[in-house]
Amino acid sequence: MWGWFSKRGSTGTRLSPRDGFGRRQVVFDCETDGLDPQKNRILSLGAVEIVDRKIQLESSFEWRLKRSSFDGGGAEIHEFTGRDLISGLEEEEAVKRFVDFVGTDLLVGHFIDFDVALIQESLKRSSMPLLENKTYDTLEVARRKFPDGVERGQKSWALSKVCQKLGLEHHGAHTALGDAYMTAELFLYLTSE
């Protein structure tokens, strides 16, 4: 199950602050029913865009994806029920809209390889071209900034804990949009230094 975690370069090039980011970045997060992108599915997808270092809330979104069946995986964390997912977007429609929204801009995430792998698997199932966007992982930067973790005695770099350590408020934990927004705040903080 964890084998894919060691694979790198899910979309190609990773950027660091010295590389420059362009005017627009898309910060996104997926909530899922498990931890294996090849077996598990996206339950919800949220994104915010940053333009000229300002978070653009008016263009943010969070979509729940339709599921024909739901075994409850992830429900205790994300508080989804089968009923929540009956009226969601079809997977193909959601990933098409997502690809249209992100274009070729930089993708930002906290443990971005996982989220990108989920999107790539959805694109494969939908017979759509894979993403080739450059990525920036706030988790990797947090690991370099806090090599011993952000909690005493634990090597943890969970988004909520990193934000707490840096004095950033964390609202909407374990929702795709809430986590995308906090990752955007974290990205702006980490790239302002």
N, C-alpha and C. Protein backbone atom coordinates (compact mmCIF):
# COMPACT_ATOMS: atom_id res chain seq x y z
N MET A 1 0.81 -1.20 0.00
CA MET A 1 0.00 0.00 0.00
C MET A 1 0.85 1.26 0.00
N TRP A 2 1.97 1.27 0.71
CA TRP A 2 2.77 2.47 0.84
C TRP A 2 3.86 2.59 -0.22
N GLY A 3 3.97 1.62 -1.11
CA GLY A 3 5.05 1.61 -2.09
C GLY A 3 5.10 2.85 -2.95
N TRP A 4 3.97 3.36 -3.35
CA TRP A 4 3.97 4.52 -4.23
C TRP A 4 4.49 5.77 -3.52
N PHE A 5 4.48 5.80 -2.16
CA PHE A 5 4.93 6.97 -1.43
C PHE A 5 6.40 7.28 -1.72
N SER A 6 7.18 6.26 -2.05
CA SER A 6 8.60 6.49 -2.28
C SER A 6 8.90 6.94 -3.70
N LYS A 7 7.91 6.87 -4.57
CA LYS A 7 8.11 7.30 -5.96
C LYS A 7 8.06 8.82 -6.03
N ARG A 8 8.92 9.41 -6.82
CA ARG A 8 9.02 10.87 -6.90
C ARG A 8 8.61 11.36 -8.28
N GLY A 9 8.44 12.66 -8.37
CA GLY A 9 8.22 13.28 -9.68
C GLY A 9 6.88 12.97 -10.30
N SER A 10 5.80 13.09 -9.52
CA SER A 10 4.48 12.71 -10.02
C SER A 10 4.04 13.54 -11.22
N THR A 11 4.43 14.79 -11.31
CA THR A 11 4.08 15.58 -12.48
C THR A 11 5.29 16.12 -13.18
N GLY A 12 6.42 15.97 -12.61
CA GLY A 12 7.62 16.52 -13.23
C GLY A 12 8.42 17.33 -12.25
N THR A 13 8.69 18.57 -12.58
CA THR A 13 9.62 19.40 -11.85
C THR A 13 9.02 19.96 -10.57
N ARG A 14 9.83 19.92 -9.51
CA ARG A 14 9.46 20.57 -8.25
C ARG A 14 10.18 21.90 -8.20
N LEU A 15 9.52 22.89 -7.63
CA LEU A 15 10.12 24.22 -7.56
C LEU A 15 10.47 24.58 -6.13
N SER A 16 11.48 25.38 -5.99
CA SER A 16 11.82 25.99 -4.71
C SER A 16 11.66 27.50 -4.89
N PRO A 17 11.63 28.28 -3.78
CA PRO A 17 11.39 29.71 -3.90
C PRO A 17 12.32 30.43 -4.87
N ARG A 18 13.56 29.99 -4.98
CA ARG A 18 14.50 30.69 -5.85
C ARG A 18 14.15 30.50 -7.33
N ASP A 19 13.28 29.54 -7.66
CA ASP A 19 12.93 29.29 -9.05
C ASP A 19 11.93 30.30 -9.60
N GLY A 20 11.22 31.00 -8.74
CA GLY A 20 10.17 31.90 -9.20
C GLY A 20 8.91 31.10 -9.47
N PHE A 21 7.76 31.69 -9.21
CA PHE A 21 6.51 30.95 -9.29
C PHE A 21 5.55 31.45 -10.34
N GLY A 22 5.82 32.56 -10.97
CA GLY A 22 4.84 33.14 -11.87
C GLY A 22 3.80 33.92 -11.08
N ARG A 23 2.85 34.49 -11.78
CA ARG A 23 1.81 35.32 -11.13
C ARG A 23 0.76 34.50 -10.42
N ARG A 24 0.48 33.28 -10.90
CA ARG A 24 -0.66 32.51 -10.40
C ARG A 24 -0.23 31.12 -9.96
N GLN A 25 -0.73 30.72 -8.80
CA GLN A 25 -0.53 29.37 -8.30
C GLN A 25 -1.90 28.81 -7.92
N VAL A 26 -2.06 27.51 -8.06
CA VAL A 26 -3.30 26.85 -7.64
C VAL A 26 -2.96 25.91 -6.50
N VAL A 27 -3.60 26.15 -5.36
CA VAL A 27 -3.39 25.34 -4.17
C VAL A 27 -4.60 24.42 -4.06
N PHE A 28 -4.36 23.11 -3.92
CA PHE A 28 -5.50 22.20 -3.89
C PHE A 28 -5.29 21.08 -2.88
N ASP A 29 -6.39 20.42 -2.57
CA ASP A 29 -6.37 19.30 -1.64
C ASP A 29 -7.49 18.35 -2.01
N CYS A 30 -7.22 17.07 -1.82
CA CYS A 30 -8.22 16.02 -2.03
C CYS A 30 -8.50 15.33 -0.71
N GLU A 31 -9.75 15.06 -0.44
CA GLU A 31 -10.13 14.19 0.67
C GLU A 31 -10.52 12.86 0.05
N THR A 32 -10.09 11.76 0.66
CA THR A 32 -10.21 10.45 0.03
C THR A 32 -10.79 9.41 0.96
N ASP A 33 -11.07 8.24 0.38
CA ASP A 33 -11.56 7.12 1.18
C ASP A 33 -10.45 6.13 1.53
N GLY A 34 -9.20 6.53 1.36
CA GLY A 34 -8.07 5.67 1.69
C GLY A 34 -6.76 6.29 1.26
N LEU A 35 -5.68 5.54 1.42
CA LEU A 35 -4.35 6.09 1.18
C LEU A 35 -3.62 5.51 -0.02
N ASP A 36 -4.32 4.81 -0.88
CA ASP A 36 -3.69 4.23 -2.07
C ASP A 36 -4.36 4.81 -3.32
N PRO A 37 -3.69 5.71 -4.03
CA PRO A 37 -4.30 6.37 -5.18
C PRO A 37 -4.76 5.41 -6.28
N GLN A 38 -4.17 4.23 -6.37
CA GLN A 38 -4.59 3.29 -7.40
C GLN A 38 -5.86 2.55 -7.02
N LYS A 39 -6.13 2.43 -5.73
CA LYS A 39 -7.31 1.69 -5.27
C LYS A 39 -8.40 2.60 -4.74
N ASN A 40 -8.00 3.69 -4.10
CA ASN A 40 -8.97 4.54 -3.44
C ASN A 40 -9.38 5.71 -4.33
N ARG A 41 -10.42 6.41 -3.92
CA ARG A 41 -11.01 7.46 -4.74
C ARG A 41 -11.10 8.78 -3.99
N ILE A 42 -11.21 9.83 -4.78
CA ILE A 42 -11.40 11.17 -4.24
C ILE A 42 -12.85 11.31 -3.79
N LEU A 43 -13.04 11.78 -2.56
CA LEU A 43 -14.37 12.08 -2.06
C LEU A 43 -14.72 13.55 -2.31
N SER A 44 -13.74 14.42 -2.12
CA SER A 44 -13.95 15.83 -2.41
C SER A 44 -12.64 16.46 -2.86
N LEU A 45 -12.77 17.54 -3.61
CA LEU A 45 -11.64 18.24 -4.21
C LEU A 45 -11.86 19.72 -4.00
N GLY A 46 -10.90 20.39 -3.38
CA GLY A 46 -11.01 21.82 -3.15
C GLY A 46 -9.79 22.55 -3.64
N ALA A 47 -9.97 23.78 -4.10
CA ALA A 47 -8.83 24.55 -4.60
C ALA A 47 -9.07 26.04 -4.40
N VAL A 48 -7.96 26.74 -4.21
CA VAL A 48 -7.95 28.20 -4.19
C VAL A 48 -6.82 28.64 -5.11
N GLU A 49 -7.00 29.80 -5.71
CA GLU A 49 -5.91 30.32 -6.53
C GLU A 49 -5.27 31.50 -5.81
N ILE A 50 -3.99 31.64 -6.06
CA ILE A 50 -3.23 32.79 -5.57
C ILE A 50 -2.79 33.55 -6.81
N VAL A 51 -3.10 34.84 -6.84
CA VAL A 51 -2.66 35.70 -7.94
C VAL A 51 -1.91 36.87 -7.33
N ASP A 52 -0.69 37.07 -7.78
CA ASP A 52 0.15 38.15 -7.26
C ASP A 52 0.21 38.12 -5.73
N ARG A 53 0.39 36.91 -5.18
CA ARG A 53 0.55 36.67 -3.74
C ARG A 53 -0.69 37.03 -2.92
N LYS A 54 -1.86 37.02 -3.55
CA LYS A 54 -3.12 37.24 -2.84
C LYS A 54 -4.05 36.07 -3.10
N ILE A 55 -4.63 35.52 -2.03
CA ILE A 55 -5.57 34.41 -2.16
C ILE A 55 -6.88 34.96 -2.73
N GLN A 56 -7.37 34.33 -3.78
CA GLN A 56 -8.58 34.76 -4.47
C GLN A 56 -9.76 33.88 -4.04
N LEU A 57 -10.43 34.26 -2.96
CA LEU A 57 -11.51 33.43 -2.43
C LEU A 57 -12.69 33.32 -3.39
N GLU A 58 -12.92 34.36 -4.19
CA GLU A 58 -14.09 34.33 -5.08
C GLU A 58 -14.01 33.23 -6.13
N SER A 59 -12.83 32.75 -6.44
CA SER A 59 -12.71 31.68 -7.44
C SER A 59 -12.49 30.31 -6.80
N SER A 60 -12.48 30.25 -5.47
CA SER A 60 -12.24 28.97 -4.80
C SER A 60 -13.45 28.05 -4.99
N PHE A 61 -13.20 26.76 -4.85
CA PHE A 61 -14.29 25.79 -4.97
C PHE A 61 -14.01 24.55 -4.13
N GLU A 62 -15.07 23.83 -3.84
CA GLU A 62 -14.98 22.50 -3.24
C GLU A 62 -16.09 21.67 -3.85
N TRP A 63 -15.71 20.56 -4.45
CA TRP A 63 -16.67 19.66 -5.07
C TRP A 63 -16.63 18.32 -4.37
N ARG A 64 -17.80 17.77 -4.16
CA ARG A 64 -17.89 16.38 -3.73
C ARG A 64 -18.11 15.55 -4.97
N LEU A 65 -17.46 14.41 -5.01
CA LEU A 65 -17.55 13.54 -6.18
C LEU A 65 -18.57 12.44 -5.94
N LYS A 66 -19.35 12.19 -6.97
CA LYS A 66 -20.40 11.18 -6.90
C LYS A 66 -19.78 9.80 -6.76
N ARG A 67 -20.41 9.00 -5.94
CA ARG A 67 -19.98 7.61 -5.76
C ARG A 67 -21.22 6.73 -5.87
N SER A 68 -21.10 5.66 -6.63
CA SER A 68 -22.23 4.74 -6.74
C SER A 68 -22.33 3.89 -5.48
N SER A 69 -21.20 3.64 -4.83
CA SER A 69 -21.20 2.94 -3.55
C SER A 69 -20.14 3.57 -2.67
N PHE A 70 -20.35 3.47 -1.38
CA PHE A 70 -19.43 4.08 -0.42
C PHE A 70 -19.35 3.19 0.79
N ASP A 71 -18.13 2.68 1.05
CA ASP A 71 -17.97 1.75 2.18
C ASP A 71 -17.68 2.47 3.49
N GLY A 72 -17.65 3.78 3.46
CA GLY A 72 -17.43 4.55 4.67
C GLY A 72 -15.99 4.89 4.93
N GLY A 73 -15.06 4.44 4.09
CA GLY A 73 -13.65 4.76 4.28
C GLY A 73 -13.44 6.26 4.28
N GLY A 74 -12.80 6.76 5.33
CA GLY A 74 -12.55 8.19 5.45
C GLY A 74 -13.71 8.96 6.06
N ALA A 75 -14.85 8.31 6.25
CA ALA A 75 -16.03 9.01 6.75
C ALA A 75 -15.82 9.60 8.13
N GLU A 76 -15.11 8.87 8.99
CA GLU A 76 -14.90 9.36 10.35
C GLU A 76 -14.02 10.61 10.37
N ILE A 77 -13.15 10.75 9.40
CA ILE A 77 -12.27 11.91 9.34
C ILE A 77 -12.96 13.06 8.62
N HIS A 78 -13.57 12.77 7.48
CA HIS A 78 -14.12 13.82 6.63
C HIS A 78 -15.61 14.07 6.86
N GLU A 79 -16.23 13.23 7.68
CA GLU A 79 -17.64 13.38 8.03
C GLU A 79 -18.57 13.29 6.82
N PHE A 80 -18.23 12.42 5.87
CA PHE A 80 -19.08 12.17 4.72
C PHE A 80 -19.96 10.96 5.00
N THR A 81 -21.12 10.97 4.40
CA THR A 81 -21.97 9.79 4.40
C THR A 81 -22.27 9.45 2.94
N GLY A 82 -22.79 8.26 2.71
CA GLY A 82 -23.17 7.89 1.35
C GLY A 82 -24.11 8.89 0.73
N ARG A 83 -25.02 9.41 1.52
CA ARG A 83 -25.99 10.40 1.03
C ARG A 83 -25.30 11.67 0.53
N ASP A 84 -24.22 12.07 1.21
CA ASP A 84 -23.47 13.27 0.79
C ASP A 84 -22.90 13.12 -0.60
N LEU A 85 -22.58 11.89 -0.99
CA LEU A 85 -21.86 11.67 -2.25
C LEU A 85 -22.75 11.27 -3.41
N ILE A 86 -24.02 11.06 -3.16
CA ILE A 86 -24.94 10.66 -4.23
C ILE A 86 -25.14 11.79 -5.24
N SER A 87 -25.19 13.02 -4.75
CA SER A 87 -25.49 14.14 -5.65
C SER A 87 -24.23 14.89 -6.10
N GLY A 88 -23.07 14.32 -5.87
CA GLY A 88 -21.83 14.99 -6.26
C GLY A 88 -21.60 14.97 -7.76
N LEU A 89 -20.50 15.59 -8.17
CA LEU A 89 -20.09 15.59 -9.58
C LEU A 89 -19.55 14.21 -9.96
N GLU A 90 -19.78 13.83 -11.20
CA GLU A 90 -19.13 12.63 -11.71
C GLU A 90 -17.62 12.87 -11.72
N GLU A 91 -16.85 11.82 -11.49
CA GLU A 91 -15.40 11.95 -11.43
C GLU A 91 -14.84 12.60 -12.69
N GLU A 92 -15.26 12.16 -13.85
CA GLU A 92 -14.74 12.70 -15.10
C GLU A 92 -15.01 14.20 -15.22
N GLU A 93 -16.21 14.63 -14.84
CA GLU A 93 -16.55 16.05 -14.89
C GLU A 93 -15.70 16.85 -13.91
N ALA A 94 -15.51 16.32 -12.71
CA ALA A 94 -14.72 17.02 -11.70
C ALA A 94 -13.27 17.21 -12.14
N VAL A 95 -12.65 16.15 -12.66
CA VAL A 95 -11.24 16.30 -13.05
C VAL A 95 -11.10 17.17 -14.30
N LYS A 96 -12.09 17.13 -15.18
CA LYS A 96 -12.05 18.01 -16.36
C LYS A 96 -12.12 19.48 -15.91
N ARG A 97 -13.04 19.78 -15.01
CA ARG A 97 -13.15 21.15 -14.50
C ARG A 97 -11.87 21.57 -13.77
N PHE A 98 -11.30 20.64 -13.01
CA PHE A 98 -10.07 20.93 -12.29
C PHE A 98 -8.93 21.25 -13.25
N VAL A 99 -8.75 20.42 -14.27
CA VAL A 99 -7.69 20.64 -15.26
C VAL A 99 -7.89 21.98 -15.96
N ASP A 100 -9.14 22.29 -16.31
CA ASP A 100 -9.42 23.59 -16.95
C ASP A 100 -9.07 24.74 -16.01
N PHE A 101 -9.37 24.58 -14.73
CA PHE A 101 -9.10 25.63 -13.74
C PHE A 101 -7.61 25.84 -13.54
N VAL A 102 -6.83 24.77 -13.45
CA VAL A 102 -5.40 24.92 -13.14
C VAL A 102 -4.57 25.32 -14.35
N GLY A 103 -5.01 24.94 -15.54
CA GLY A 103 -4.21 25.26 -16.72
C GLY A 103 -2.81 24.70 -16.59
N THR A 104 -1.83 25.54 -16.84
CA THR A 104 -0.43 25.11 -16.75
C THR A 104 0.27 25.72 -15.55
N ASP A 105 -0.49 26.31 -14.63
CA ASP A 105 0.10 27.00 -13.49
C ASP A 105 0.66 26.04 -12.45
N LEU A 106 1.47 26.59 -11.57
CA LEU A 106 2.09 25.84 -10.49
C LEU A 106 1.03 25.27 -9.57
N LEU A 107 1.17 23.99 -9.23
CA LEU A 107 0.29 23.33 -8.26
C LEU A 107 0.98 23.30 -6.91
N VAL A 108 0.27 23.70 -5.87
CA VAL A 108 0.81 23.74 -4.52
C VAL A 108 -0.05 22.84 -3.64
N GLY A 109 0.60 22.08 -2.77
CA GLY A 109 -0.12 21.24 -1.83
C GLY A 109 0.75 20.84 -0.67
N HIS A 110 0.12 20.32 0.37
CA HIS A 110 0.83 19.78 1.53
C HIS A 110 0.81 18.27 1.36
N PHE A 111 1.96 17.71 1.03
CA PHE A 111 2.12 16.32 0.60
C PHE A 111 1.48 16.16 -0.78
N ILE A 112 1.94 17.00 -1.67
CA ILE A 112 1.33 17.14 -2.99
C ILE A 112 1.42 15.88 -3.84
N ASP A 113 2.45 15.07 -3.65
CA ASP A 113 2.56 13.85 -4.47
C ASP A 113 1.31 12.98 -4.34
N PHE A 114 0.76 12.90 -3.13
CA PHE A 114 -0.43 12.09 -2.91
C PHE A 114 -1.63 12.65 -3.68
N ASP A 115 -1.86 13.95 -3.55
CA ASP A 115 -3.01 14.56 -4.22
C ASP A 115 -2.87 14.51 -5.74
N VAL A 116 -1.66 14.76 -6.23
CA VAL A 116 -1.44 14.68 -7.68
C VAL A 116 -1.64 13.25 -8.16
N ALA A 117 -1.16 12.27 -7.41
CA ALA A 117 -1.34 10.87 -7.81
C ALA A 117 -2.83 10.52 -7.91
N LEU A 118 -3.63 11.04 -7.00
CA LEU A 118 -5.09 10.81 -7.06
C LEU A 118 -5.69 11.42 -8.32
N ILE A 119 -5.29 12.65 -8.63
CA ILE A 119 -5.78 13.31 -9.85
C ILE A 119 -5.33 12.53 -11.08
N GLN A 120 -4.07 12.12 -11.11
CA GLN A 120 -3.55 11.38 -12.27
C GLN A 120 -4.34 10.09 -12.48
N GLU A 121 -4.63 9.37 -11.41
CA GLU A 121 -5.41 8.13 -11.54
C GLU A 121 -6.82 8.43 -12.05
N SER A 122 -7.43 9.51 -11.58
CA SER A 122 -8.75 9.91 -12.09
C SER A 122 -8.69 10.26 -13.57
N LEU A 123 -7.63 10.96 -13.97
CA LEU A 123 -7.47 11.30 -15.38
C LEU A 123 -7.29 10.05 -16.23
N LYS A 124 -6.52 9.09 -15.75
CA LYS A 124 -6.34 7.82 -16.48
C LYS A 124 -7.68 7.12 -16.68
N ARG A 125 -8.47 7.03 -15.59
CA ARG A 125 -9.78 6.37 -15.68
C ARG A 125 -10.70 7.09 -16.65
N SER A 126 -10.51 8.39 -16.80
CA SER A 126 -11.34 9.20 -17.69
C SER A 126 -10.74 9.34 -19.08
N SER A 127 -9.64 8.63 -19.35
CA SER A 127 -8.94 8.67 -20.65
C SER A 127 -8.57 10.10 -21.04
N MET A 128 -8.10 10.87 -20.07
CA MET A 128 -7.70 12.25 -20.31
C MET A 128 -6.19 12.36 -20.15
N PRO A 129 -5.57 13.36 -20.79
CA PRO A 129 -4.12 13.55 -20.64
C PRO A 129 -3.74 13.83 -19.18
N LEU A 130 -2.58 13.36 -18.79
CA LEU A 130 -2.11 13.55 -17.43
C LEU A 130 -1.58 14.97 -17.22
N LEU A 131 -1.60 15.41 -15.97
CA LEU A 131 -1.04 16.71 -15.62
C LEU A 131 0.47 16.72 -15.85
N GLU A 132 0.97 17.86 -16.27
CA GLU A 132 2.41 18.04 -16.42
C GLU A 132 2.88 19.28 -15.67
N ASN A 133 2.03 19.80 -14.81
CA ASN A 133 2.33 21.03 -14.07
C ASN A 133 3.51 20.84 -13.13
N LYS A 134 4.22 21.93 -12.89
CA LYS A 134 5.24 21.94 -11.85
C LYS A 134 4.54 21.98 -10.50
N THR A 135 5.23 21.49 -9.46
CA THR A 135 4.62 21.40 -8.14
C THR A 135 5.51 22.02 -7.07
N TYR A 136 4.86 22.40 -5.98
CA TYR A 136 5.55 22.91 -4.79
C TYR A 136 4.90 22.23 -3.59
N ASP A 137 5.71 21.57 -2.78
CA ASP A 137 5.20 20.81 -1.64
C ASP A 137 5.53 21.53 -0.33
N THR A 138 4.51 22.07 0.33
CA THR A 138 4.74 22.76 1.60
C THR A 138 5.22 21.78 2.67
N LEU A 139 4.87 20.51 2.56
CA LEU A 139 5.35 19.51 3.52
C LEU A 139 6.87 19.38 3.46
N GLU A 140 7.42 19.30 2.26
CA GLU A 140 8.88 19.19 2.12
C GLU A 140 9.58 20.39 2.72
N VAL A 141 9.03 21.58 2.50
CA VAL A 141 9.64 22.79 3.04
C VAL A 141 9.53 22.79 4.56
N ALA A 142 8.39 22.38 5.09
CA ALA A 142 8.22 22.29 6.55
C ALA A 142 9.20 21.30 7.16
N ARG A 143 9.45 20.19 6.48
CA ARG A 143 10.42 19.21 6.99
C ARG A 143 11.83 19.80 7.06
N ARG A 144 12.18 20.62 6.07
CA ARG A 144 13.50 21.26 6.10
C ARG A 144 13.56 22.33 7.20
N LYS A 145 12.47 23.06 7.36
CA LYS A 145 12.44 24.14 8.36
C LYS A 145 12.41 23.59 9.78
N PHE A 146 11.72 22.48 9.98
CA PHE A 146 11.59 21.85 11.30
C PHE A 146 12.01 20.39 11.20
N PRO A 147 13.31 20.10 11.11
CA PRO A 147 13.75 18.72 10.88
C PRO A 147 13.33 17.74 11.98
N ASP A 148 13.07 18.22 13.19
CA ASP A 148 12.65 17.34 14.27
C ASP A 148 11.14 17.28 14.43
N GLY A 149 10.41 17.88 13.51
CA GLY A 149 8.96 17.90 13.59
C GLY A 149 8.48 19.14 14.33
N VAL A 150 7.18 19.31 14.39
CA VAL A 150 6.62 20.50 15.02
C VAL A 150 5.98 20.22 16.37
N GLU A 151 5.94 18.94 16.76
CA GLU A 151 5.42 18.57 18.07
C GLU A 151 6.54 17.95 18.88
N ARG A 152 6.60 18.28 20.13
CA ARG A 152 7.66 17.76 21.00
C ARG A 152 7.62 16.23 21.02
N GLY A 153 8.77 15.64 20.70
CA GLY A 153 8.89 14.20 20.77
C GLY A 153 8.29 13.43 19.61
N GLN A 154 7.72 14.12 18.63
CA GLN A 154 7.11 13.44 17.49
C GLN A 154 7.60 14.06 16.20
N LYS A 155 7.95 13.22 15.26
CA LYS A 155 8.31 13.72 13.93
C LYS A 155 7.02 13.87 13.14
N SER A 156 6.36 14.99 13.34
CA SER A 156 5.08 15.25 12.69
C SER A 156 5.13 16.58 11.97
N TRP A 157 4.61 16.58 10.76
CA TRP A 157 4.51 17.80 9.97
C TRP A 157 3.09 17.94 9.42
N ALA A 158 2.12 17.47 10.18
CA ALA A 158 0.72 17.58 9.76
C ALA A 158 0.40 19.06 9.51
N LEU A 159 -0.42 19.31 8.50
CA LEU A 159 -0.75 20.68 8.12
C LEU A 159 -1.22 21.50 9.32
N SER A 160 -2.15 20.96 10.09
CA SER A 160 -2.68 21.72 11.23
C SER A 160 -1.59 22.03 12.25
N LYS A 161 -0.67 21.08 12.47
CA LYS A 161 0.40 21.28 13.45
C LYS A 161 1.44 22.28 12.96
N VAL A 162 1.78 22.22 11.67
CA VAL A 162 2.72 23.19 11.11
C VAL A 162 2.13 24.59 11.19
N CYS A 163 0.86 24.73 10.81
CA CYS A 163 0.20 26.04 10.87
C CYS A 163 0.16 26.57 12.30
N GLN A 164 -0.15 25.68 13.24
CA GLN A 164 -0.19 26.08 14.65
C GLN A 164 1.19 26.55 15.11
N LYS A 165 2.22 25.81 14.76
CA LYS A 165 3.59 26.16 15.14
C LYS A 165 3.98 27.55 14.61
N LEU A 166 3.50 27.89 13.42
CA LEU A 166 3.85 29.16 12.79
C LEU A 166 2.88 30.29 13.15
N GLY A 167 1.87 29.98 13.97
CA GLY A 167 0.92 31.00 14.37
C GLY A 167 -0.15 31.30 13.33
N LEU A 168 -0.33 30.39 12.38
CA LEU A 168 -1.38 30.55 11.37
C LEU A 168 -2.64 29.84 11.85
N GLU A 169 -3.77 30.52 11.79
CA GLU A 169 -5.02 29.89 12.21
C GLU A 169 -5.39 28.80 11.22
N HIS A 170 -5.92 27.70 11.74
CA HIS A 170 -6.29 26.59 10.87
C HIS A 170 -7.77 26.29 11.06
N HIS A 171 -8.55 26.65 10.05
CA HIS A 171 -10.00 26.43 10.07
C HIS A 171 -10.35 25.38 9.03
N GLY A 172 -11.38 24.62 9.26
CA GLY A 172 -11.86 23.68 8.25
C GLY A 172 -10.96 22.49 8.02
N ALA A 173 -10.29 22.03 9.08
CA ALA A 173 -9.40 20.87 8.92
C ALA A 173 -10.19 19.68 8.41
N HIS A 174 -9.56 18.93 7.54
CA HIS A 174 -10.12 17.72 6.94
C HIS A 174 -11.30 18.00 6.02
N THR A 175 -11.37 19.23 5.51
CA THR A 175 -12.22 19.50 4.36
C THR A 175 -11.27 19.90 3.25
N ALA A 176 -11.59 19.56 2.04
CA ALA A 176 -10.68 19.85 0.93
C ALA A 176 -10.44 21.35 0.79
N LEU A 177 -11.49 22.15 0.87
CA LEU A 177 -11.33 23.59 0.72
C LEU A 177 -10.62 24.19 1.93
N GLY A 178 -10.97 23.75 3.13
CA GLY A 178 -10.31 24.26 4.34
C GLY A 178 -8.81 23.98 4.32
N ASP A 179 -8.44 22.76 3.94
CA ASP A 179 -7.02 22.42 3.88
C ASP A 179 -6.32 23.15 2.74
N ALA A 180 -6.99 23.33 1.61
CA ALA A 180 -6.39 24.08 0.50
C ALA A 180 -6.14 25.53 0.92
N TYR A 181 -7.10 26.13 1.60
CA TYR A 181 -6.93 27.51 2.05
C TYR A 181 -5.76 27.63 3.02
N MET A 182 -5.68 26.72 4.00
CA MET A 182 -4.58 26.78 4.96
C MET A 182 -3.24 26.51 4.30
N THR A 183 -3.22 25.62 3.31
CA THR A 183 -1.98 25.37 2.58
C THR A 183 -1.57 26.62 1.80
N ALA A 184 -2.55 27.36 1.28
CA ALA A 184 -2.25 28.62 0.59
C ALA A 184 -1.63 29.62 1.56
N GLU A 185 -2.20 29.73 2.76
CA GLU A 185 -1.63 30.61 3.78
C GLU A 185 -0.21 30.18 4.13
N LEU A 186 -0.01 28.87 4.28
CA LEU A 186 1.31 28.33 4.60
C LEU A 186 2.30 28.60 3.47
N PHE A 187 1.87 28.39 2.23
CA PHE A 187 2.72 28.67 1.07
C PHE A 187 3.18 30.13 1.07
N LEU A 188 2.23 31.06 1.29
CA LEU A 188 2.59 32.48 1.30
C LEU A 188 3.57 32.78 2.42
N TYR A 189 3.37 32.17 3.57
CA TYR A 189 4.29 32.36 4.70
C TYR A 189 5.68 31.83 4.35
N LEU A 190 5.74 30.60 3.86
CA LEU A 190 7.02 29.95 3.59
C LEU A 190 7.80 30.63 2.47
N THR A 191 7.09 31.24 1.53
CA THR A 191 7.77 31.86 0.39
C THR A 191 8.01 33.36 0.59
N SER A 192 7.65 33.88 1.76
CA SER A 192 7.89 35.30 2.03
C SER A 192 9.23 35.52 2.69
N GLU A 193 9.85 34.44 3.12
CA GLU A 193 11.13 34.55 3.85
C GLU A 193 12.29 34.76 2.92
